[in-house]
Amino acid sequence: MSLIRLEGVTKRFGSKAALKQVTCQLEGQAIGLVGPNGAGKTTLMKLCLGLLKADEGRIHVLGQEITPRTANRGLFGFAAEGTGHLPDLSGLECVAYAGQLCGLSRRTSYLRAHDMLDLVGLDEARYRPAEAYSTGMLQRTKVAMALAHDPDLLFLDEPTSGLDPTSRADFLDLLVHLREADGPAIILSTHILHDVERACDQVLILADGEVRYSGSIEDLRTVSTREYDVRLLKANGAFETRLQQVGADISHQGRGVYRVKLLEGQSPETVWQSADHIGAQIIGFEELRADFEAAFLDQVGGISL
């Protein structure tokens, strides 16, 4: 079962289309949702939660079709952007209240709140007023509130915004723990690429309301580079000439190693066929990986976050 399946989803606000015929299928335990400002990330999350209604298309989350009338929100936890704490309540009371809003009894909600505050690392601060918490502590409290009713899928909207480097690293460690433990699946919406690379295994890239890439981060790096190191048994100038004739970019690195960058639409088979054509023997073939930022910029055409 796919985590999320979108089929031709369009959402307009007046004359502006925030999402345009979005079609994709998301799988994995932790999915990063990234894109420039105004790409449609928050709109997509709210559609998946059933908080907004799509103008066109169909949305399935955890195998269920989602509309504002049919969404089973008990399956989801949502930590919206911002601090999200309740005034005049302790961290424990905030989390327990969130559990009661989701239908838990008072006793069960407090037991669950203690467990969730232990999980997010606020065990020693649970009785302190939430208003006295640091930004990092408030973000952890917000996640604990979203986890209070034991959801199957956790939506996080810009959860590391405003955190100092140490707090941000600690928060990402928490997400990795949730991903690797028996916790909920995670959808992480952020403009910070490092956060996605650290905490997620899959990524959905949006730009101008459209899908630019959907899949694993490792595959994204390969798709974006189309670059290979090829080792021949013996250096062969005809190999360079042949690949240049078919439009590939090739340079000799020494000792029979060639760096080959293929054109879009070309496959590694182009390299093997070129070697066979001139009688060269390939003894090594390695795909090169781009860093995540370079791969992202390649997909969105250089638009900055």
C-alpha atoms as a PDB file:
ATOM      1  CA  MET A   1       0.000   0.000   0.000  1.00  0.00           C
ATOM      2  CA  SER A   2       1.313   3.441  -0.951  1.00  0.00           C
ATOM      3  CA  LEU A   3       1.678   6.010   1.786  1.00  0.00           C
ATOM      4  CA  ILE A   4       0.178   8.731  -0.417  1.00  0.00           C
ATOM      5  CA  ARG A   5      -1.196   8.528  -3.962  1.00  0.00           C
ATOM      6  CA  LEU A   6      -2.139  11.679  -5.865  1.00  0.00           C
ATOM      7  CA  GLU A   7      -4.000  11.623  -9.171  1.00  0.00           C
ATOM      8  CA  GLY A   8      -4.269  14.890 -11.107  1.00  0.00           C
ATOM      9  CA  VAL A   9      -4.636  17.027  -7.972  1.00  0.00           C
ATOM     10  CA  THR A  10      -5.274  20.732  -8.605  1.00  0.00           C
ATOM     11  CA  LYS A  11      -5.977  23.378  -5.981  1.00  0.00           C
ATOM     12  CA  ARG A  12      -6.731  27.018  -6.757  1.00  0.00           C
ATOM     13  CA  PHE A  13      -6.995  30.074  -4.560  1.00  0.00           C
ATOM     14  CA  GLY A  14      -8.867  32.588  -6.657  1.00  0.00           C
ATOM     15  CA  SER A  15      -7.108  32.864 -10.000  1.00  0.00           C
ATOM     16  CA  LYS A  16      -3.863  31.323  -8.706  1.00  0.00           C
ATOM     17  CA  ALA A  17      -3.267  27.573  -8.968  1.00  0.00           C
ATOM     18  CA  ALA A  18      -1.249  26.476  -5.939  1.00  0.00           C
ATOM     19  CA  LEU A  19      -1.087  22.902  -7.292  1.00  0.00           C
ATOM     20  CA  LYS A  20      -1.409  21.919 -10.948  1.00  0.00           C
ATOM     21  CA  GLN A  21      -2.387  18.370 -11.930  1.00  0.00           C
ATOM     22  CA  VAL A  22      -0.113  16.785  -9.332  1.00  0.00           C
ATOM     23  CA  THR A  23       0.259  13.058  -9.905  1.00  0.00           C
ATOM     24  CA  CYS A  24       2.658  10.902  -7.922  1.00  0.00           C
ATOM     25  CA  GLN A  25       2.927   7.947  -5.572  1.00  0.00           C
ATOM     26  CA  LEU A  26       4.879   8.241  -2.323  1.00  0.00           C
ATOM     27  CA  GLU A  27       6.298   5.264  -0.470  1.00  0.00           C
ATOM     28  CA  GLY A  28       8.805   4.851   2.345  1.00  0.00           C
ATOM     29  CA  GLN A  29       9.027   5.582   6.052  1.00  0.00           C
ATOM     30  CA  ALA A  30      10.163   9.225   5.922  1.00  0.00           C
ATOM     31  CA  ILE A  31       9.419  11.472   2.954  1.00  0.00           C
ATOM     32  CA  GLY A  32      10.808  14.965   2.492  1.00  0.00           C
ATOM     33  CA  LEU A  33       8.568  17.544   0.829  1.00  0.00           C
ATOM     34  CA  VAL A  34      10.785  20.304  -0.568  1.00  0.00           C
ATOM     35  CA  GLY A  35      10.583  23.177  -2.989  1.00  0.00           C
ATOM     36  CA  PRO A  36      10.991  26.951  -3.292  1.00  0.00           C
ATOM     37  CA  ASN A  37       8.687  29.292  -1.389  1.00  0.00           C
ATOM     38  CA  GLY A  38       5.217  29.165  -2.903  1.00  0.00           C
ATOM     39  CA  ALA A  39       5.777  25.729  -4.437  1.00  0.00           C
ATOM     40  CA  GLY A  40       2.598  24.336  -2.842  1.00  0.00           C
ATOM     41  CA  LYS A  41       4.073  22.269   0.012  1.00  0.00           C
ATOM     42  CA  THR A  42       1.761  23.413   2.805  1.00  0.00           C
ATOM     43  CA  THR A  43      -1.257  23.301   0.503  1.00  0.00           C
ATOM     44  CA  LEU A  44      -0.465  19.691  -0.387  1.00  0.00           C
ATOM     45  CA  MET A  45      -0.128  18.715   3.261  1.00  0.00           C
ATOM     46  CA  LYS A  46      -3.484  20.286   4.139  1.00  0.00           C
ATOM     47  CA  LEU A  47      -5.146  18.489   1.234  1.00  0.00           C
ATOM     48  CA  CYS A  48      -3.727  15.174   2.447  1.00  0.00           C
ATOM     49  CA  LEU A  49      -5.030  15.912   5.946  1.00  0.00           C
ATOM     50  CA  GLY A  50      -8.501  16.689   4.630  1.00  0.00           C
ATOM     51  CA  LEU A  51      -8.295  20.295   5.812  1.00  0.00           C
ATOM     52  CA  LEU A  52      -8.734  21.572   2.247  1.00  0.00           C
ATOM     53  CA  LYS A  53     -10.726  20.219  -0.694  1.00  0.00           C
ATOM     54  CA  ALA A  54      -9.046  19.714  -4.050  1.00  0.00           C
ATOM     55  CA  ASP A  55     -10.641  21.434  -7.038  1.00  0.00           C
ATOM     56  CA  GLU A  56      -9.671  18.492  -9.239  1.00  0.00           C
ATOM     57  CA  GLY A  57      -8.171  15.040  -8.790  1.00  0.00           C
ATOM     58  CA  ARG A  58      -8.144  12.342  -6.136  1.00  0.00           C
ATOM     59  CA  ILE A  59      -6.058  11.895  -2.988  1.00  0.00           C
ATOM     60  CA  HIS A  60      -5.424   8.585  -1.221  1.00  0.00           C
ATOM     61  CA  VAL A  61      -3.547   8.444   2.093  1.00  0.00           C
ATOM     62  CA  LEU A  62      -2.843   5.097   3.769  1.00  0.00           C
ATOM     63  CA  GLY A  63      -5.167   3.487   1.242  1.00  0.00           C
ATOM     64  CA  GLN A  64      -8.133   5.759   1.998  1.00  0.00           C
ATOM     65  CA  GLU A  65      -9.555   8.437  -0.279  1.00  0.00           C
ATOM     66  CA  ILE A  66      -9.255  11.816   1.435  1.00  0.00           C
ATOM     67  CA  THR A  67     -11.752  14.676   1.321  1.00  0.00           C
ATOM     68  CA  PRO A  68     -12.756  17.072   4.120  1.00  0.00           C
ATOM     69  CA  ARG A  69     -15.863  14.908   4.661  1.00  0.00           C
ATOM     70  CA  THR A  70     -14.241  11.448   4.530  1.00  0.00           C
ATOM     71  CA  ALA A  71     -10.798  11.956   6.112  1.00  0.00           C
ATOM     72  CA  ASN A  72     -10.145   9.781   9.166  1.00  0.00           C
ATOM     73  CA  ARG A  73      -7.953  12.314  10.957  1.00  0.00           C
ATOM     74  CA  GLY A  74      -7.359   9.935  13.826  1.00  0.00           C
ATOM     75  CA  LEU A  75      -4.787   8.253  11.561  1.00  0.00           C
ATOM     76  CA  PHE A  76      -2.755  11.451  11.275  1.00  0.00           C
ATOM     77  CA  GLY A  77      -0.650  13.649  13.508  1.00  0.00           C
ATOM     78  CA  PHE A  78       0.007  17.212  12.379  1.00  0.00           C
ATOM     79  CA  ALA A  79       2.592  19.648  13.726  1.00  0.00           C
ATOM     80  CA  ALA A  80       1.919  22.925  11.933  1.00  0.00           C
ATOM     81  CA  GLU A  81       4.488  25.674  11.465  1.00  0.00           C
ATOM     82  CA  GLY A  82       4.912  27.850  14.555  1.00  0.00           C
ATOM     83  CA  THR A  83       5.283  27.114  18.260  1.00  0.00           C
ATOM     84  CA  GLY A  84       1.820  25.611  18.781  1.00  0.00           C
ATOM     85  CA  HIS A  85       1.837  25.472  22.604  1.00  0.00           C
ATOM     86  CA  LEU A  86      -1.177  26.309  24.737  1.00  0.00           C
ATOM     87  CA  PRO A  87      -0.865  29.302  27.125  1.00  0.00           C
ATOM     88  CA  ASP A  88      -0.802  28.736  30.885  1.00  0.00           C
ATOM     89  CA  LEU A  89      -0.241  24.975  30.538  1.00  0.00           C
ATOM     90  CA  SER A  90       2.794  22.848  31.320  1.00  0.00           C
ATOM     91  CA  GLY A  91       4.363  20.690  28.634  1.00  0.00           C
ATOM     92  CA  LEU A  92       2.640  17.661  30.141  1.00  0.00           C
ATOM     93  CA  GLU A  93      -0.753  19.362  30.123  1.00  0.00           C
ATOM     94  CA  CYS A  94      -0.325  20.478  26.499  1.00  0.00           C
ATOM     95  CA  VAL A  95       0.345  16.928  25.314  1.00  0.00           C
ATOM     96  CA  ALA A  96      -2.394  15.406  27.479  1.00  0.00           C
ATOM     97  CA  TYR A  97      -4.903  17.949  26.165  1.00  0.00           C
ATOM     98  CA  ALA A  98      -3.982  17.041  22.583  1.00  0.00           C
ATOM     99  CA  GLY A  99      -4.660  13.390  23.414  1.00  0.00           C
ATOM    100  CA  GLN A 100      -8.063  14.218  24.905  1.00  0.00           C
ATOM    101  CA  LEU A 101      -8.994  16.213  21.793  1.00  0.00           C
ATOM    102  CA  CYS A 102      -8.357  13.017  19.815  1.00  0.00           C
ATOM    103  CA  GLY A 103     -10.706  11.012  22.020  1.00  0.00           C
ATOM    104  CA  LEU A 104      -8.431   9.564  24.704  1.00  0.00           C
ATOM    105  CA  SER A 105      -9.680   9.431  28.286  1.00  0.00           C
ATOM    106  CA  ARG A 106      -8.098  11.818  30.779  1.00  0.00           C
ATOM    107  CA  ARG A 107      -6.126   9.010  32.454  1.00  0.00           C
ATOM    108  CA  THR A 108      -4.954   7.502  29.173  1.00  0.00           C
ATOM    109  CA  SER A 109      -4.013  10.907  27.748  1.00  0.00           C
ATOM    110  CA  TYR A 110      -1.769  11.696  30.737  1.00  0.00           C
ATOM    111  CA  LEU A 111      -0.100   8.282  30.609  1.00  0.00           C
ATOM    112  CA  ARG A 112       0.479   8.767  26.899  1.00  0.00           C
ATOM    113  CA  ALA A 113       1.760  12.322  27.472  1.00  0.00           C
ATOM    114  CA  HIS A 114       4.408  11.073  29.898  1.00  0.00           C
ATOM    115  CA  ASP A 115       5.567   8.500  27.327  1.00  0.00           C
ATOM    116  CA  MET A 116       5.715  11.013  24.482  1.00  0.00           C
ATOM    117  CA  LEU A 117       7.632  13.598  26.504  1.00  0.00           C
ATOM    118  CA  ASP A 118      10.143  10.896  27.417  1.00  0.00           C
ATOM    119  CA  LEU A 119      10.407  10.026  23.727  1.00  0.00           C
ATOM    120  CA  VAL A 120      11.121  13.604  22.604  1.00  0.00           C
ATOM    121  CA  GLY A 121      13.579  14.244  25.434  1.00  0.00           C
ATOM    122  CA  LEU A 122      11.522  16.559  27.649  1.00  0.00           C
ATOM    123  CA  ASP A 123      11.157  14.226  30.612  1.00  0.00           C
ATOM    124  CA  GLU A 124      12.795  16.629  33.095  1.00  0.00           C
ATOM    125  CA  ALA A 125      10.852  19.671  31.850  1.00  0.00           C
ATOM    126  CA  ARG A 126       7.386  18.150  31.690  1.00  0.00           C
ATOM    127  CA  TYR A 127       5.967  20.130  34.648  1.00  0.00           C
ATOM    128  CA  ARG A 128       7.422  23.481  33.620  1.00  0.00           C
ATOM    129  CA  PRO A 129       5.162  26.061  31.902  1.00  0.00           C
ATOM    130  CA  ALA A 130       5.435  25.608  28.138  1.00  0.00           C
ATOM    131  CA  GLU A 131       5.715  29.393  27.764  1.00  0.00           C
ATOM    132  CA  ALA A 132       9.115  29.174  29.484  1.00  0.00           C
ATOM    133  CA  TYR A 133      10.437  26.615  26.968  1.00  0.00           C
ATOM    134  CA  SER A 134      13.095  27.418  24.387  1.00  0.00           C
ATOM    135  CA  THR A 135      12.171  27.268  20.699  1.00  0.00           C
ATOM    136  CA  GLY A 136      13.698  23.811  20.411  1.00  0.00           C
ATOM    137  CA  MET A 137      11.724  22.557  23.418  1.00  0.00           C
ATOM    138  CA  LEU A 138       8.513  23.975  21.967  1.00  0.00           C
ATOM    139  CA  GLN A 139       9.137  22.166  18.694  1.00  0.00           C
ATOM    140  CA  ARG A 140       9.617  18.915  20.607  1.00  0.00           C
ATOM    141  CA  THR A 141       6.429  19.566  22.562  1.00  0.00           C
ATOM    142  CA  LYS A 142       4.565  20.109  19.310  1.00  0.00           C
ATOM    143  CA  VAL A 143       5.759  16.739  17.991  1.00  0.00           C
ATOM    144  CA  ALA A 144       4.750  15.071  21.262  1.00  0.00           C
ATOM    145  CA  MET A 145       1.272  16.619  20.893  1.00  0.00           C
ATOM    146  CA  ALA A 146       1.020  15.311  17.328  1.00  0.00           C
ATOM    147  CA  LEU A 147       2.018  11.832  18.544  1.00  0.00           C
ATOM    148  CA  ALA A 148      -0.306  11.815  21.545  1.00  0.00           C
ATOM    149  CA  HIS A 149      -3.000   9.623  19.937  1.00  0.00           C
ATOM    150  CA  ASP A 150      -0.517   7.199  18.298  1.00  0.00           C
ATOM    151  CA  PRO A 151      -1.075   8.158  14.626  1.00  0.00           C
ATOM    152  CA  ASP A 152       0.029   6.089  11.638  1.00  0.00           C
ATOM    153  CA  LEU A 153       1.347   9.110   9.724  1.00  0.00           C
ATOM    154  CA  LEU A 154       2.977  12.252  11.094  1.00  0.00           C
ATOM    155  CA  PHE A 155       2.939  15.510   9.091  1.00  0.00           C
ATOM    156  CA  LEU A 156       5.587  18.086  10.066  1.00  0.00           C
ATOM    157  CA  ASP A 157       5.551  21.579   8.555  1.00  0.00           C
ATOM    158  CA  GLU A 158       8.889  23.436   8.881  1.00  0.00           C
ATOM    159  CA  PRO A 159       9.665  21.846  12.287  1.00  0.00           C
ATOM    160  CA  THR A 160      13.278  23.106  12.478  1.00  0.00           C
ATOM    161  CA  SER A 161      12.528  26.715  11.572  1.00  0.00           C
ATOM    162  CA  GLY A 162      14.191  29.075  14.051  1.00  0.00           C
ATOM    163  CA  LEU A 163      16.263  26.424  15.803  1.00  0.00           C
ATOM    164  CA  ASP A 164      19.924  26.956  16.627  1.00  0.00           C
ATOM    165  CA  PRO A 165      22.362  24.400  15.108  1.00  0.00           C
ATOM    166  CA  THR A 166      22.532  22.227  18.230  1.00  0.00           C
ATOM    167  CA  SER A 167      18.754  22.137  18.731  1.00  0.00           C
ATOM    168  CA  ARG A 168      18.253  21.426  15.041  1.00  0.00           C
ATOM    169  CA  ALA A 169      20.703  18.502  15.115  1.00  0.00           C
ATOM    170  CA  ASP A 170      18.978  17.094  18.204  1.00  0.00           C
ATOM    171  CA  PHE A 171      15.570  17.418  16.544  1.00  0.00           C
ATOM    172  CA  LEU A 172      16.752  15.627  13.407  1.00  0.00           C
ATOM    173  CA  ASP A 173      18.154  12.833  15.589  1.00  0.00           C
ATOM    174  CA  LEU A 174      14.645  12.487  17.025  1.00  0.00           C
ATOM    175  CA  LEU A 175      13.149  12.147  13.528  1.00  0.00           C
ATOM    176  CA  VAL A 176      15.732   9.514  12.602  1.00  0.00           C
ATOM    177  CA  HIS A 177      14.828   7.619  15.787  1.00  0.00           C
ATOM    178  CA  LEU A 178      11.133   7.734  14.862  1.00  0.00           C
ATOM    179  CA  ARG A 179      11.930   6.579  11.326  1.00  0.00           C
ATOM    180  CA  GLU A 180      14.054   3.649  12.437  1.00  0.00           C
ATOM    181  CA  ALA A 181      11.908   2.615  15.412  1.00  0.00           C
ATOM    182  CA  ASP A 182       8.378   1.262  15.304  1.00  0.00           C
ATOM    183  CA  GLY A 183       6.938   4.753  14.916  1.00  0.00           C
ATOM    184  CA  PRO A 184       4.654   6.463  12.417  1.00  0.00           C
ATOM    185  CA  ALA A 185       5.629   7.266   8.852  1.00  0.00           C
ATOM    186  CA  ILE A 186       6.748  10.886   8.464  1.00  0.00           C
ATOM    187  CA  ILE A 187       6.061  13.607   5.893  1.00  0.00           C
ATOM    188  CA  LEU A 188       8.570  16.419   6.488  1.00  0.00           C
ATOM    189  CA  SER A 189       7.903  19.708   4.719  1.00  0.00           C
ATOM    190  CA  THR A 190      10.903  22.030   4.821  1.00  0.00           C
ATOM    191  CA  HIS A 191      13.040  24.401   2.797  1.00  0.00           C
ATOM    192  CA  ILE A 192      16.216  23.093   4.453  1.00  0.00           C
ATOM    193  CA  LEU A 193      17.683  20.426   2.189  1.00  0.00           C
ATOM    194  CA  HIS A 194      20.083  19.084   4.817  1.00  0.00           C
ATOM    195  CA  ASP A 195      17.127  18.212   7.051  1.00  0.00           C
ATOM    196  CA  VAL A 196      15.612  16.030   4.341  1.00  0.00           C
ATOM    197  CA  GLU A 197      18.937  14.401   3.535  1.00  0.00           C
ATOM    198  CA  ARG A 198      19.508  13.634   7.223  1.00  0.00           C
ATOM    199  CA  ALA A 199      16.043  12.408   8.201  1.00  0.00           C
ATOM    200  CA  CYS A 200      14.349  11.060   5.051  1.00  0.00           C
ATOM    201  CA  ASP A 201      14.752   8.224   2.580  1.00  0.00           C
ATOM    202  CA  GLN A 202      12.359   9.531  -0.102  1.00  0.00           C
ATOM    203  CA  VAL A 203      11.711  13.020  -1.466  1.00  0.00           C
ATOM    204  CA  LEU A 204       9.012  14.882  -3.379  1.00  0.00           C
ATOM    205  CA  ILE A 205      10.216  18.062  -5.089  1.00  0.00           C
ATOM    206  CA  LEU A 206       7.620  20.693  -5.990  1.00  0.00           C
ATOM    207  CA  ALA A 207       8.150  23.894  -7.948  1.00  0.00           C
ATOM    208  CA  ASP A 208       5.457  26.292  -9.146  1.00  0.00           C
ATOM    209  CA  GLY A 209       2.776  23.826  -8.037  1.00  0.00           C
ATOM    210  CA  GLU A 210       4.121  20.966 -10.141  1.00  0.00           C
ATOM    211  CA  VAL A 211       6.019  17.749  -9.377  1.00  0.00           C
ATOM    212  CA  ARG A 212       9.639  17.939 -10.492  1.00  0.00           C
ATOM    213  CA  TYR A 213      10.785  14.680  -8.879  1.00  0.00           C
ATOM    214  CA  SER A 214       9.341  11.903  -6.737  1.00  0.00           C
ATOM    215  CA  GLY A 215      11.384   8.947  -5.466  1.00  0.00           C
ATOM    216  CA  SER A 216      14.423   7.990  -3.432  1.00  0.00           C
ATOM    217  CA  ILE A 217      17.166  10.487  -2.659  1.00  0.00           C
ATOM    218  CA  GLU A 218      19.836   8.100  -3.957  1.00  0.00           C
ATOM    219  CA  ASP A 219      18.035   7.724  -7.289  1.00  0.00           C
ATOM    220  CA  LEU A 220      17.680  11.503  -7.510  1.00  0.00           C
ATOM    221  CA  ARG A 221      21.443  11.915  -7.280  1.00  0.00           C
ATOM    222  CA  THR A 222      21.986   9.430 -10.101  1.00  0.00           C
ATOM    223  CA  VAL A 223      19.225  10.836 -12.308  1.00  0.00           C
ATOM    224  CA  SER A 224      20.611  14.329 -11.911  1.00  0.00           C
ATOM    225  CA  THR A 225      24.222  13.540 -12.792  1.00  0.00           C
ATOM    226  CA  ARG A 226      24.051  11.003 -15.651  1.00  0.00           C
ATOM    227  CA  GLU A 227      27.809  10.862 -15.080  1.00  0.00           C
ATOM    228  CA  TYR A 228      30.067   7.795 -14.907  1.00  0.00           C
ATOM    229  CA  ASP A 229      33.678   6.805 -14.411  1.00  0.00           C
ATOM    230  CA  VAL A 230      34.576   4.186 -17.017  1.00  0.00           C
ATOM    231  CA  ARG A 231      37.818   2.188 -16.819  1.00  0.00           C
ATOM    232  CA  LEU A 232      39.175   0.499 -19.965  1.00  0.00           C
ATOM    233  CA  LEU A 233      41.705  -2.310 -20.041  1.00  0.00           C
ATOM    234  CA  LYS A 234      43.855   0.044 -22.129  1.00  0.00           C
ATOM    235  CA  ALA A 235      43.469   3.767 -22.877  1.00  0.00           C
ATOM    236  CA  ASN A 236      41.896   4.204 -26.292  1.00  0.00           C
ATOM    237  CA  GLY A 237      41.523   7.527 -28.096  1.00  0.00           C
ATOM    238  CA  ALA A 238      38.910   6.012 -30.420  1.00  0.00           C
ATOM    239  CA  PHE A 239      36.663   5.505 -27.383  1.00  0.00           C
ATOM    240  CA  GLU A 240      36.720   9.246 -26.719  1.00  0.00           C
ATOM    241  CA  THR A 241      36.031  10.032 -30.366  1.00  0.00           C
ATOM    242  CA  ARG A 242      33.126   7.606 -30.560  1.00  0.00           C
ATOM    243  CA  LEU A 243      31.346   9.007 -27.488  1.00  0.00           C
ATOM    244  CA  GLN A 244      31.899  12.581 -28.645  1.00  0.00           C
ATOM    245  CA  GLN A 245      30.235  11.648 -31.943  1.00  0.00           C
ATOM    246  CA  VAL A 246      27.059  10.601 -30.106  1.00  0.00           C
ATOM    247  CA  GLY A 247      27.046  13.844 -28.084  1.00  0.00           C
ATOM    248  CA  ALA A 248      28.416  12.651 -24.730  1.00  0.00           C
ATOM    249  CA  ASP A 249      30.919  14.736 -22.781  1.00  0.00           C
ATOM    250  CA  ILE A 250      34.074  12.688 -22.079  1.00  0.00           C
ATOM    251  CA  SER A 251      37.451  13.411 -20.520  1.00  0.00           C
ATOM    252  CA  HIS A 252      40.452  11.127 -19.888  1.00  0.00           C
ATOM    253  CA  GLN A 253      41.337  11.006 -16.173  1.00  0.00           C
ATOM    254  CA  GLY A 254      44.495   8.955 -16.710  1.00  0.00           C
ATOM    255  CA  ARG A 255      45.349   5.237 -16.405  1.00  0.00           C
ATOM    256  CA  GLY A 256      42.537   4.185 -18.701  1.00  0.00           C
ATOM    257  CA  VAL A 257      39.809   5.958 -16.683  1.00  0.00           C
ATOM    258  CA  TYR A 258      37.326   8.181 -18.537  1.00  0.00           C
ATOM    259  CA  ARG A 259      34.676  10.439 -17.038  1.00  0.00           C
ATOM    260  CA  VAL A 260      31.572  10.327 -19.200  1.00  0.00           C
ATOM    261  CA  LYS A 261      28.538  12.621 -18.907  1.00  0.00           C
ATOM    262  CA  LEU A 262      25.599  11.451 -20.985  1.00  0.00           C
ATOM    263  CA  LEU A 263      22.929  13.583 -22.561  1.00  0.00           C
ATOM    264  CA  GLU A 264      19.398  13.458 -21.180  1.00  0.00           C
ATOM    265  CA  GLY A 265      17.712  10.456 -22.760  1.00  0.00           C
ATOM    266  CA  GLN A 266      20.930   8.487 -23.125  1.00  0.00           C
ATOM    267  CA  SER A 267      21.494   5.396 -21.007  1.00  0.00           C
ATOM    268  CA  PRO A 268      24.666   3.563 -19.860  1.00  0.00           C
ATOM    269  CA  GLU A 269      24.051   1.253 -22.813  1.00  0.00           C
ATOM    270  CA  THR A 270      25.417   4.088 -24.968  1.00  0.00           C
ATOM    271  CA  VAL A 271      28.823   3.674 -23.283  1.00  0.00           C
ATOM    272  CA  TRP A 272      28.877  -0.110 -23.660  1.00  0.00           C
ATOM    273  CA  GLN A 273      27.852   0.044 -27.306  1.00  0.00           C
ATOM    274  CA  SER A 274      30.529   2.651 -28.035  1.00  0.00           C
ATOM    275  CA  ALA A 275      33.221   0.483 -26.449  1.00  0.00           C
ATOM    276  CA  ASP A 276      32.039  -2.571 -28.363  1.00  0.00           C
ATOM    277  CA  HIS A 277      31.995  -0.606 -31.613  1.00  0.00           C
ATOM    278  CA  ILE A 278      35.719   0.217 -31.421  1.00  0.00           C
ATOM    279  CA  GLY A 279      36.760  -3.034 -29.718  1.00  0.00           C
ATOM    280  CA  ALA A 280      37.602  -1.538 -26.305  1.00  0.00           C
ATOM    281  CA  GLN A 281      37.192  -3.635 -23.138  1.00  0.00           C
ATOM    282  CA  ILE A 282      35.478  -2.058 -20.137  1.00  0.00           C
ATOM    283  CA  ILE A 283      36.766  -3.397 -16.813  1.00  0.00           C
ATOM    284  CA  GLY A 284      35.198  -0.833 -14.485  1.00  0.00           C
ATOM    285  CA  PHE A 285      31.945   1.163 -14.547  1.00  0.00           C
ATOM    286  CA  GLU A 286      30.833   3.419 -11.669  1.00  0.00           C
ATOM    287  CA  GLU A 287      27.886   5.791 -11.417  1.00  0.00           C
ATOM    288  CA  LEU A 288      28.707   9.154  -9.856  1.00  0.00           C
ATOM    289  CA  ARG A 289      26.369  10.705  -7.311  1.00  0.00           C
ATOM    290  CA  ALA A 290      25.603  14.436  -7.110  1.00  0.00           C
ATOM    291  CA  ASP A 291      25.226  16.027  -3.714  1.00  0.00           C
ATOM    292  CA  PHE A 292      21.603  16.582  -2.740  1.00  0.00           C
ATOM    293  CA  GLU A 293      21.667  20.344  -3.260  1.00  0.00           C
ATOM    294  CA  ALA A 294      23.052  20.042  -6.792  1.00  0.00           C
ATOM    295  CA  ALA A 295      20.485  17.365  -7.612  1.00  0.00           C
ATOM    296  CA  PHE A 296      17.662  19.535  -6.251  1.00  0.00           C
ATOM    297  CA  LEU A 297      18.765  22.596  -8.242  1.00  0.00           C
ATOM    298  CA  ASP A 298      18.974  20.466 -11.374  1.00  0.00           C
ATOM    299  CA  GLN A 299      15.308  19.472 -10.953  1.00  0.00           C
ATOM    300  CA  VAL A 300      13.956  22.958 -10.243  1.00  0.00           C
ATOM    301  CA  GLY A 301      16.072  24.718 -12.851  1.00  0.00           C
ATOM    302  CA  GLY A 302      18.262  26.593 -10.389  1.00  0.00           C
ATOM    303  CA  ILE A 303      15.428  28.229  -8.426  1.00  0.00           C
ATOM    304  CA  SER A 304      16.709  28.961  -4.910  1.00  0.00           C
ATOM    305  CA  LEU A 305      14.826  28.076  -1.740  1.00  0.00           C
END
